[in-house]
């Protein structure tokens, strides 16, 4: 069985790489020498106790935080000096823990906003009859509907988010993230607020949209989702990676059992 304490594999072209990331706030170390190798075609889980540094690590990857040391690169492109908007332009997309769909737009219109960076005629032309924007708007509608259909929620396209159950809203957020065909999809607790049935539907949907060119990274406390969805898992504790490996290897790792899953020291 693969050891959960093996060093990360050597980088591949197109991978999202973090090396030696440190992050401190007011003298408090939040991340300590974190190395990640996030591969296209794999779903990578990031788990750990509350306060382990998972969201801070996401914030470093997307540019919201500037690490105090270390490097981040996407393929051959160094990201350290790039703003969040520039990173998004390279195909890095993130979802957040809390639902963030506009209640005043239909689900389809919400998903169309995910194409903002790629629209030549501007976001407003998606909803206003501006010259030159009609063909682009029709293309955006087609792509948004295709994303909803891929996630199995096309029937809800013309409903507003308040009319939809939490599971459908969450899938709508993921459709908005996927509609522009990102290279990297970072999901921060996608199962938060969902019941068991909705979580199973979410797991199946994420597996269905995975493809060889996509890097998918999931922060999640729902261990069933992590173990069923992920190909590889990193475990953080107090800002350090204490294990990485397959789901089976991580589940069996003594250090993970001790600090994360609550096993006795005996």
C-alpha atoms as a PDB file:
ATOM      1  CA  UNK A   1       0.000   0.000   0.000  1.00  0.00           C
ATOM      2  CA  UNK A   2       1.199   3.516  -0.833  1.00  0.00           C
ATOM      3  CA  UNK A   3       2.535   5.318   2.216  1.00  0.00           C
ATOM      4  CA  UNK A   4       0.725   8.497   3.169  1.00  0.00           C
ATOM      5  CA  UNK A   5       4.067  10.021   4.195  1.00  0.00           C
ATOM      6  CA  UNK A   6       5.750   9.780   0.801  1.00  0.00           C
ATOM      7  CA  UNK A   7       7.033  13.066  -0.583  1.00  0.00           C
ATOM      8  CA  UNK A   8       4.864  14.602  -3.316  1.00  0.00           C
ATOM      9  CA  UNK A   9       5.686  13.350  -6.829  1.00  0.00           C
ATOM     10  CA  UNK A  10       7.874  15.354  -9.173  1.00  0.00           C
ATOM     11  CA  UNK A  11       5.989  18.141 -10.981  1.00  0.00           C
ATOM     12  CA  UNK A  12       4.309  17.571 -14.336  1.00  0.00           C
ATOM     13  CA  UNK A  13       3.733  20.169 -17.065  1.00  0.00           C
ATOM     14  CA  UNK A  14       0.545  22.077 -16.324  1.00  0.00           C
ATOM     15  CA  UNK A  15       0.503  21.215 -12.619  1.00  0.00           C
ATOM     16  CA  UNK A  16      -0.191  23.791  -9.917  1.00  0.00           C
ATOM     17  CA  UNK A  17       2.901  23.744  -7.718  1.00  0.00           C
ATOM     18  CA  UNK A  18       3.480  25.335  -4.328  1.00  0.00           C
ATOM     19  CA  UNK A  19       6.923  25.035  -2.768  1.00  0.00           C
ATOM     20  CA  UNK A  20       7.971  26.044   0.729  1.00  0.00           C
ATOM     21  CA  UNK A  21       4.956  28.260   1.474  1.00  0.00           C
ATOM     22  CA  UNK A  22       5.119  30.144   4.759  1.00  0.00           C
ATOM     23  CA  UNK A  23       2.447  32.549   5.963  1.00  0.00           C
ATOM     24  CA  UNK A  24       2.438  34.569   9.173  1.00  0.00           C
ATOM     25  CA  UNK A  25       0.075  37.091  10.741  1.00  0.00           C
ATOM     26  CA  UNK A  26       1.406  39.183  13.596  1.00  0.00           C
ATOM     27  CA  UNK A  27       4.129  36.666  14.375  1.00  0.00           C
ATOM     28  CA  UNK A  28       1.714  33.715  14.296  1.00  0.00           C
ATOM     29  CA  UNK A  29       2.733  31.079  11.741  1.00  0.00           C
ATOM     30  CA  UNK A  30      -0.309  29.967   9.743  1.00  0.00           C
ATOM     31  CA  UNK A  31       1.520  27.942   7.068  1.00  0.00           C
ATOM     32  CA  UNK A  32       4.905  26.311   7.575  1.00  0.00           C
ATOM     33  CA  UNK A  33       6.868  25.064   4.568  1.00  0.00           C
ATOM     34  CA  UNK A  34       3.890  23.740   2.614  1.00  0.00           C
ATOM     35  CA  UNK A  35       4.656  21.843  -0.615  1.00  0.00           C
ATOM     36  CA  UNK A  36       1.856  20.893  -3.024  1.00  0.00           C
ATOM     37  CA  UNK A  37       1.863  19.187  -6.416  1.00  0.00           C
ATOM     38  CA  UNK A  38      -1.664  19.442  -7.838  1.00  0.00           C
ATOM     39  CA  UNK A  39      -1.991  17.452 -11.050  1.00  0.00           C
ATOM     40  CA  UNK A  40      -4.341  17.820 -14.025  1.00  0.00           C
ATOM     41  CA  UNK A  41      -6.831  14.976 -14.236  1.00  0.00           C
ATOM     42  CA  UNK A  42      -6.792  14.317 -10.487  1.00  0.00           C
ATOM     43  CA  UNK A  43      -9.151  15.389  -7.713  1.00  0.00           C
ATOM     44  CA  UNK A  44      -7.018  16.421  -4.746  1.00  0.00           C
ATOM     45  CA  UNK A  45      -8.479  16.720  -1.259  1.00  0.00           C
ATOM     46  CA  UNK A  46      -7.179  19.064   1.416  1.00  0.00           C
ATOM     47  CA  UNK A  47      -8.256  18.090   4.921  1.00  0.00           C
ATOM     48  CA  UNK A  48      -7.343  18.854   8.501  1.00  0.00           C
ATOM     49  CA  UNK A  49      -8.797  20.116  11.796  1.00  0.00           C
ATOM     50  CA  UNK A  50     -10.306  23.575  12.120  1.00  0.00           C
ATOM     51  CA  UNK A  51      -7.495  26.125  12.139  1.00  0.00           C
ATOM     52  CA  UNK A  52      -5.106  23.851  10.248  1.00  0.00           C
ATOM     53  CA  UNK A  53      -4.556  26.492   7.530  1.00  0.00           C
ATOM     54  CA  UNK A  54      -6.663  25.088   4.700  1.00  0.00           C
ATOM     55  CA  UNK A  55      -8.514  28.287   3.760  1.00  0.00           C
ATOM     56  CA  UNK A  56      -5.334  30.348   4.212  1.00  0.00           C
ATOM     57  CA  UNK A  57      -3.623  28.012   1.758  1.00  0.00           C
ATOM     58  CA  UNK A  58      -6.455  28.519  -0.754  1.00  0.00           C
ATOM     59  CA  UNK A  59      -6.083  32.278  -0.271  1.00  0.00           C
ATOM     60  CA  UNK A  60      -2.371  32.020  -1.077  1.00  0.00           C
ATOM     61  CA  UNK A  61      -3.023  29.984  -4.218  1.00  0.00           C
ATOM     62  CA  UNK A  62      -5.581  32.487  -5.511  1.00  0.00           C
ATOM     63  CA  UNK A  63      -3.556  35.571  -4.579  1.00  0.00           C
ATOM     64  CA  UNK A  64      -5.752  36.937  -1.779  1.00  0.00           C
ATOM     65  CA  UNK A  65      -2.829  36.406   0.612  1.00  0.00           C
ATOM     66  CA  UNK A  66       0.841  36.959  -0.171  1.00  0.00           C
ATOM     67  CA  UNK A  67       3.003  34.225   1.415  1.00  0.00           C
ATOM     68  CA  UNK A  68       5.906  35.396   3.525  1.00  0.00           C
ATOM     69  CA  UNK A  69       8.090  32.800   1.778  1.00  0.00           C
ATOM     70  CA  UNK A  70       7.804  30.216  -0.969  1.00  0.00           C
ATOM     71  CA  UNK A  71       6.796  29.989  -4.624  1.00  0.00           C
ATOM     72  CA  UNK A  72       3.619  29.165  -6.565  1.00  0.00           C
ATOM     73  CA  UNK A  73       3.492  28.298 -10.269  1.00  0.00           C
ATOM     74  CA  UNK A  74       0.879  27.070 -12.724  1.00  0.00           C
ATOM     75  CA  UNK A  75       2.714  25.127 -15.384  1.00  0.00           C
ATOM     76  CA  UNK A  76       5.587  27.346 -16.536  1.00  0.00           C
ATOM     77  CA  UNK A  77       3.970  30.526 -15.197  1.00  0.00           C
ATOM     78  CA  UNK A  78       5.066  31.902 -11.833  1.00  0.00           C
ATOM     79  CA  UNK A  79       2.113  33.303  -9.904  1.00  0.00           C
ATOM     80  CA  UNK A  80       3.832  35.061  -7.010  1.00  0.00           C
ATOM     81  CA  UNK A  81       3.608  38.580  -8.474  1.00  0.00           C
ATOM     82  CA  UNK A  82       0.152  38.143 -10.043  1.00  0.00           C
ATOM     83  CA  UNK A  83      -3.069  39.618  -8.650  1.00  0.00           C
ATOM     84  CA  UNK A  84      -6.175  37.476  -8.038  1.00  0.00           C
ATOM     85  CA  UNK A  85      -7.669  38.854 -11.267  1.00  0.00           C
ATOM     86  CA  UNK A  86      -4.579  37.898 -13.287  1.00  0.00           C
ATOM     87  CA  UNK A  87      -4.658  34.402 -11.789  1.00  0.00           C
ATOM     88  CA  UNK A  88      -8.343  34.114 -12.652  1.00  0.00           C
ATOM     89  CA  UNK A  89      -7.445  35.116 -16.198  1.00  0.00           C
ATOM     90  CA  UNK A  90      -5.069  32.154 -16.323  1.00  0.00           C
ATOM     91  CA  UNK A  91      -7.955  29.834 -15.509  1.00  0.00           C
ATOM     92  CA  UNK A  92      -7.966  29.643 -11.687  1.00  0.00           C
ATOM     93  CA  UNK A  93     -11.515  29.619 -10.313  1.00  0.00           C
ATOM     94  CA  UNK A  94     -12.630  29.315  -6.711  1.00  0.00           C
ATOM     95  CA  UNK A  95     -15.898  28.698  -4.889  1.00  0.00           C
ATOM     96  CA  UNK A  96     -16.528  29.760  -1.283  1.00  0.00           C
ATOM     97  CA  UNK A  97     -18.145  28.107   1.722  1.00  0.00           C
ATOM     98  CA  UNK A  98     -21.217  30.349   1.689  1.00  0.00           C
ATOM     99  CA  UNK A  99     -23.765  30.443  -1.122  1.00  0.00           C
ATOM    100  CA  UNK A 100     -22.987  33.400  -3.372  1.00  0.00           C
ATOM    101  CA  UNK A 101     -25.614  33.347  -6.142  1.00  0.00           C
ATOM    102  CA  UNK A 102     -27.454  36.592  -6.851  1.00  0.00           C
ATOM    103  CA  UNK A 103     -31.105  36.234  -5.748  1.00  0.00           C
ATOM    104  CA  UNK A 104     -32.179  38.759  -8.395  1.00  0.00           C
ATOM    105  CA  UNK A 105     -30.945  36.696 -11.362  1.00  0.00           C
ATOM    106  CA  UNK A 106     -32.142  33.357 -12.647  1.00  0.00           C
ATOM    107  CA  UNK A 107     -29.857  30.373 -12.191  1.00  0.00           C
ATOM    108  CA  UNK A 108     -28.969  30.580 -15.902  1.00  0.00           C
ATOM    109  CA  UNK A 109     -28.068  34.271 -15.600  1.00  0.00           C
ATOM    110  CA  UNK A 110     -25.964  33.557 -12.516  1.00  0.00           C
ATOM    111  CA  UNK A 111     -24.001  30.952 -14.451  1.00  0.00           C
ATOM    112  CA  UNK A 112     -23.526  33.374 -17.346  1.00  0.00           C
ATOM    113  CA  UNK A 113     -21.691  35.758 -15.017  1.00  0.00           C
ATOM    114  CA  UNK A 114     -18.933  33.150 -14.880  1.00  0.00           C
ATOM    115  CA  UNK A 115     -18.021  34.211 -18.429  1.00  0.00           C
ATOM    116  CA  UNK A 116     -17.328  37.825 -17.447  1.00  0.00           C
ATOM    117  CA  UNK A 117     -13.578  37.654 -18.048  1.00  0.00           C
ATOM    118  CA  UNK A 118     -14.002  36.190 -21.530  1.00  0.00           C
ATOM    119  CA  UNK A 119     -16.692  38.605 -22.792  1.00  0.00           C
ATOM    120  CA  UNK A 120     -15.385  41.152 -25.277  1.00  0.00           C
ATOM    121  CA  UNK A 121     -18.532  43.326 -25.073  1.00  0.00           C
ATOM    122  CA  UNK A 122     -18.720  43.477 -21.277  1.00  0.00           C
ATOM    123  CA  UNK A 123     -20.860  41.845 -18.622  1.00  0.00           C
ATOM    124  CA  UNK A 124     -23.776  44.262 -18.945  1.00  0.00           C
ATOM    125  CA  UNK A 125     -24.406  43.268 -22.560  1.00  0.00           C
ATOM    126  CA  UNK A 126     -25.486  39.833 -21.352  1.00  0.00           C
ATOM    127  CA  UNK A 127     -28.655  41.418 -19.951  1.00  0.00           C
ATOM    128  CA  UNK A 128     -29.052  44.645 -21.960  1.00  0.00           C
ATOM    129  CA  UNK A 129     -29.690  45.005 -25.733  1.00  0.00           C
ATOM    130  CA  UNK A 130     -26.356  46.680 -26.450  1.00  0.00           C
ATOM    131  CA  UNK A 131     -25.022  46.800 -30.035  1.00  0.00           C
ATOM    132  CA  UNK A 132     -22.730  43.932 -30.971  1.00  0.00           C
ATOM    133  CA  UNK A 133     -23.531  41.897 -27.890  1.00  0.00           C
ATOM    134  CA  UNK A 134     -26.433  39.781 -29.109  1.00  0.00           C
ATOM    135  CA  UNK A 135     -24.423  36.944 -30.654  1.00  0.00           C
ATOM    136  CA  UNK A 136     -22.064  36.847 -27.710  1.00  0.00           C
ATOM    137  CA  UNK A 137     -25.000  36.752 -25.299  1.00  0.00           C
ATOM    138  CA  UNK A 138     -26.579  33.861 -27.192  1.00  0.00           C
ATOM    139  CA  UNK A 139     -23.278  31.991 -27.024  1.00  0.00           C
ATOM    140  CA  UNK A 140     -23.037  32.694 -23.281  1.00  0.00           C
ATOM    141  CA  UNK A 141     -26.571  31.375 -22.766  1.00  0.00           C
ATOM    142  CA  UNK A 142     -25.755  28.232 -24.712  1.00  0.00           C
ATOM    143  CA  UNK A 143     -22.588  27.601 -22.719  1.00  0.00           C
ATOM    144  CA  UNK A 144     -24.310  28.292 -19.404  1.00  0.00           C
ATOM    145  CA  UNK A 145     -27.139  25.925 -20.250  1.00  0.00           C
ATOM    146  CA  UNK A 146     -24.627  23.244 -21.239  1.00  0.00           C
ATOM    147  CA  UNK A 147     -22.911  23.617 -17.853  1.00  0.00           C
ATOM    148  CA  UNK A 148     -26.223  23.297 -16.023  1.00  0.00           C
ATOM    149  CA  UNK A 149     -27.130  20.257 -18.107  1.00  0.00           C
ATOM    150  CA  UNK A 150     -23.786  18.610 -17.390  1.00  0.00           C
ATOM    151  CA  UNK A 151     -24.488  18.949 -13.670  1.00  0.00           C
ATOM    152  CA  UNK A 152     -28.050  17.663 -14.054  1.00  0.00           C
ATOM    153  CA  UNK A 153     -29.887  20.871 -13.098  1.00  0.00           C
ATOM    154  CA  UNK A 154     -30.891  22.329 -16.478  1.00  0.00           C
ATOM    155  CA  UNK A 155     -34.573  22.109 -15.475  1.00  0.00           C
ATOM    156  CA  UNK A 156     -33.934  24.829 -12.875  1.00  0.00           C
ATOM    157  CA  UNK A 157     -32.298  27.251 -15.340  1.00  0.00           C
ATOM    158  CA  UNK A 158     -35.047  29.882 -15.285  1.00  0.00           C
ATOM    159  CA  UNK A 159     -35.723  29.802 -11.546  1.00  0.00           C
ATOM    160  CA  UNK A 160     -34.213  32.228  -9.052  1.00  0.00           C
ATOM    161  CA  UNK A 161     -31.888  30.837  -6.346  1.00  0.00           C
ATOM    162  CA  UNK A 162     -34.363  31.458  -3.470  1.00  0.00           C
ATOM    163  CA  UNK A 163     -36.744  29.037  -5.206  1.00  0.00           C
ATOM    164  CA  UNK A 164     -34.145  26.246  -5.224  1.00  0.00           C
ATOM    165  CA  UNK A 165     -32.960  23.760  -2.582  1.00  0.00           C
ATOM    166  CA  UNK A 166     -29.418  24.183  -1.229  1.00  0.00           C
ATOM    167  CA  UNK A 167     -28.065  21.264  -3.258  1.00  0.00           C
ATOM    168  CA  UNK A 168     -29.220  22.790  -6.547  1.00  0.00           C
ATOM    169  CA  UNK A 169     -27.853  26.195  -5.569  1.00  0.00           C
ATOM    170  CA  UNK A 170     -24.460  24.659  -4.823  1.00  0.00           C
ATOM    171  CA  UNK A 171     -24.417  22.876  -8.171  1.00  0.00           C
ATOM    172  CA  UNK A 172     -25.352  26.191  -9.777  1.00  0.00           C
ATOM    173  CA  UNK A 173     -22.303  27.819  -8.183  1.00  0.00           C
ATOM    174  CA  UNK A 174     -20.125  25.039  -9.536  1.00  0.00           C
ATOM    175  CA  UNK A 175     -21.689  25.443 -12.992  1.00  0.00           C
ATOM    176  CA  UNK A 176     -20.785  29.145 -12.836  1.00  0.00           C
ATOM    177  CA  UNK A 177     -17.199  28.173 -12.006  1.00  0.00           C
ATOM    178  CA  UNK A 178     -17.018  25.587 -14.793  1.00  0.00           C
ATOM    179  CA  UNK A 179     -18.686  27.521 -17.612  1.00  0.00           C
ATOM    180  CA  UNK A 180     -15.445  29.262 -18.636  1.00  0.00           C
ATOM    181  CA  UNK A 181     -13.561  25.918 -18.763  1.00  0.00           C
ATOM    182  CA  UNK A 182     -11.025  26.661 -16.006  1.00  0.00           C
ATOM    183  CA  UNK A 183      -7.639  24.986 -15.646  1.00  0.00           C
ATOM    184  CA  UNK A 184      -7.910  24.971 -11.830  1.00  0.00           C
ATOM    185  CA  UNK A 185     -11.102  24.581  -9.791  1.00  0.00           C
ATOM    186  CA  UNK A 186     -10.704  25.239  -6.049  1.00  0.00           C
ATOM    187  CA  UNK A 187     -13.761  24.212  -4.018  1.00  0.00           C
ATOM    188  CA  UNK A 188     -13.950  25.444  -0.413  1.00  0.00           C
ATOM    189  CA  UNK A 189     -16.310  23.160   1.563  1.00  0.00           C
ATOM    190  CA  UNK A 190     -18.771  22.533  -1.309  1.00  0.00           C
ATOM    191  CA  UNK A 191     -20.916  20.225   0.879  1.00  0.00           C
ATOM    192  CA  UNK A 192     -21.438  22.838   3.627  1.00  0.00           C
ATOM    193  CA  UNK A 193     -25.153  23.071   4.456  1.00  0.00           C
ATOM    194  CA  UNK A 194     -26.127  20.072   2.325  1.00  0.00           C
ATOM    195  CA  UNK A 195     -27.941  16.972   3.532  1.00  0.00           C
ATOM    196  CA  UNK A 196     -26.711  13.438   2.866  1.00  0.00           C
ATOM    197  CA  UNK A 197     -28.675  13.010  -0.377  1.00  0.00           C
ATOM    198  CA  UNK A 198     -27.497  16.380  -1.737  1.00  0.00           C
ATOM    199  CA  UNK A 199     -23.910  15.532  -0.803  1.00  0.00           C
ATOM    200  CA  UNK A 200     -24.097  12.245  -2.717  1.00  0.00           C
ATOM    201  CA  UNK A 201     -25.508  14.082  -5.737  1.00  0.00           C
ATOM    202  CA  UNK A 202     -22.702  16.639  -5.457  1.00  0.00           C
ATOM    203  CA  UNK A 203     -20.050  13.908  -5.309  1.00  0.00           C
ATOM    204  CA  UNK A 204     -21.425  12.228  -8.442  1.00  0.00           C
ATOM    205  CA  UNK A 205     -21.671  15.564 -10.273  1.00  0.00           C
ATOM    206  CA  UNK A 206     -18.075  16.522  -9.495  1.00  0.00           C
ATOM    207  CA  UNK A 207     -16.825  13.155 -10.701  1.00  0.00           C
ATOM    208  CA  UNK A 208     -18.872  13.581 -13.887  1.00  0.00           C
ATOM    209  CA  UNK A 209     -17.371  16.970 -14.784  1.00  0.00           C
ATOM    210  CA  UNK A 210     -13.785  15.935 -14.065  1.00  0.00           C
ATOM    211  CA  UNK A 211     -11.579  15.655 -17.165  1.00  0.00           C
ATOM    212  CA  UNK A 212      -7.849  15.133 -17.910  1.00  0.00           C
ATOM    213  CA  UNK A 213      -7.040  18.837 -18.253  1.00  0.00           C
ATOM    214  CA  UNK A 214      -8.675  20.003 -15.016  1.00  0.00           C
ATOM    215  CA  UNK A 215      -6.985  20.423 -11.640  1.00  0.00           C
ATOM    216  CA  UNK A 216      -9.673  20.073  -8.968  1.00  0.00           C
ATOM    217  CA  UNK A 217      -8.862  20.778  -5.318  1.00  0.00           C
ATOM    218  CA  UNK A 218     -11.440  20.271  -2.575  1.00  0.00           C
ATOM    219  CA  UNK A 219     -11.346  21.496   1.027  1.00  0.00           C
ATOM    220  CA  UNK A 220     -14.009  19.597   2.917  1.00  0.00           C
ATOM    221  CA  UNK A 221     -14.911  18.276   6.377  1.00  0.00           C
ATOM    222  CA  UNK A 222     -17.272  15.608   5.005  1.00  0.00           C
ATOM    223  CA  UNK A 223     -14.970  12.591   5.004  1.00  0.00           C
ATOM    224  CA  UNK A 224     -17.331  10.424   2.967  1.00  0.00           C
ATOM    225  CA  UNK A 225     -17.207  12.947   0.122  1.00  0.00           C
ATOM    226  CA  UNK A 226     -13.416  13.243   0.362  1.00  0.00           C
ATOM    227  CA  UNK A 227     -12.823   9.495   0.374  1.00  0.00           C
ATOM    228  CA  UNK A 228     -15.239   8.817  -2.493  1.00  0.00           C
ATOM    229  CA  UNK A 229     -14.236  11.766  -4.683  1.00  0.00           C
ATOM    230  CA  UNK A 230     -10.502  12.306  -4.288  1.00  0.00           C
ATOM    231  CA  UNK A 231      -7.612  10.551  -5.991  1.00  0.00           C
ATOM    232  CA  UNK A 232      -5.054  12.090  -3.644  1.00  0.00           C
ATOM    233  CA  UNK A 233      -5.295  13.781  -0.242  1.00  0.00           C
ATOM    234  CA  UNK A 234      -3.084  16.227   1.640  1.00  0.00           C
ATOM    235  CA  UNK A 235      -3.539  16.504   5.416  1.00  0.00           C
ATOM    236  CA  UNK A 236      -2.708  19.771   7.175  1.00  0.00           C
ATOM    237  CA  UNK A 237      -2.202  20.222  10.909  1.00  0.00           C
ATOM    238  CA  UNK A 238      -1.086  23.511  12.480  1.00  0.00           C
ATOM    239  CA  UNK A 239      -0.048  24.791   9.048  1.00  0.00           C
ATOM    240  CA  UNK A 240       2.127  21.808   8.077  1.00  0.00           C
ATOM    241  CA  UNK A 241       1.502  18.937   5.679  1.00  0.00           C
ATOM    242  CA  UNK A 242       1.629  15.833   7.880  1.00  0.00           C
ATOM    243  CA  UNK A 243       0.610  13.300   5.217  1.00  0.00           C
ATOM    244  CA  UNK A 244      -0.184  12.969   1.538  1.00  0.00           C
ATOM    245  CA  UNK A 245      -1.254   9.975  -0.481  1.00  0.00           C
ATOM    246  CA  UNK A 246      -4.191   7.954  -1.688  1.00  0.00           C
ATOM    247  CA  UNK A 247      -7.411   7.930   0.367  1.00  0.00           C
ATOM    248  CA  UNK A 248      -6.615   4.430   1.648  1.00  0.00           C
ATOM    249  CA  UNK A 249      -3.078   5.410   2.651  1.00  0.00           C
ATOM    250  CA  UNK A 250      -4.229   8.561   4.434  1.00  0.00           C
ATOM    251  CA  UNK A 251      -6.956   6.679   6.291  1.00  0.00           C
ATOM    252  CA  UNK A 252      -4.363   4.229   7.586  1.00  0.00           C
ATOM    253  CA  UNK A 253      -1.661   6.757   8.467  1.00  0.00           C
ATOM    254  CA  UNK A 254      -0.983   6.693  12.257  1.00  0.00           C
ATOM    255  CA  UNK A 255      -0.282  10.433  12.464  1.00  0.00           C
ATOM    256  CA  UNK A 256      -3.529  11.277  10.669  1.00  0.00           C
ATOM    257  CA  UNK A 257      -5.440   8.952  12.970  1.00  0.00           C
ATOM    258  CA  UNK A 258      -3.869  10.590  16.001  1.00  0.00           C
ATOM    259  CA  UNK A 259      -4.239  14.294  15.192  1.00  0.00           C
ATOM    260  CA  UNK A 260      -7.230  14.375  12.858  1.00  0.00           C
ATOM    261  CA  UNK A 261      -9.449  11.365  13.312  1.00  0.00           C
ATOM    262  CA  UNK A 262      -9.098  11.282  17.098  1.00  0.00           C
ATOM    263  CA  UNK A 263      -7.424   7.894  17.561  1.00  0.00           C
ATOM    264  CA  UNK A 264      -5.860   7.053  20.913  1.00  0.00           C
ATOM    265  CA  UNK A 265      -2.095   7.035  21.259  1.00  0.00           C
ATOM    266  CA  UNK A 266      -2.149   3.401  22.368  1.00  0.00           C
END
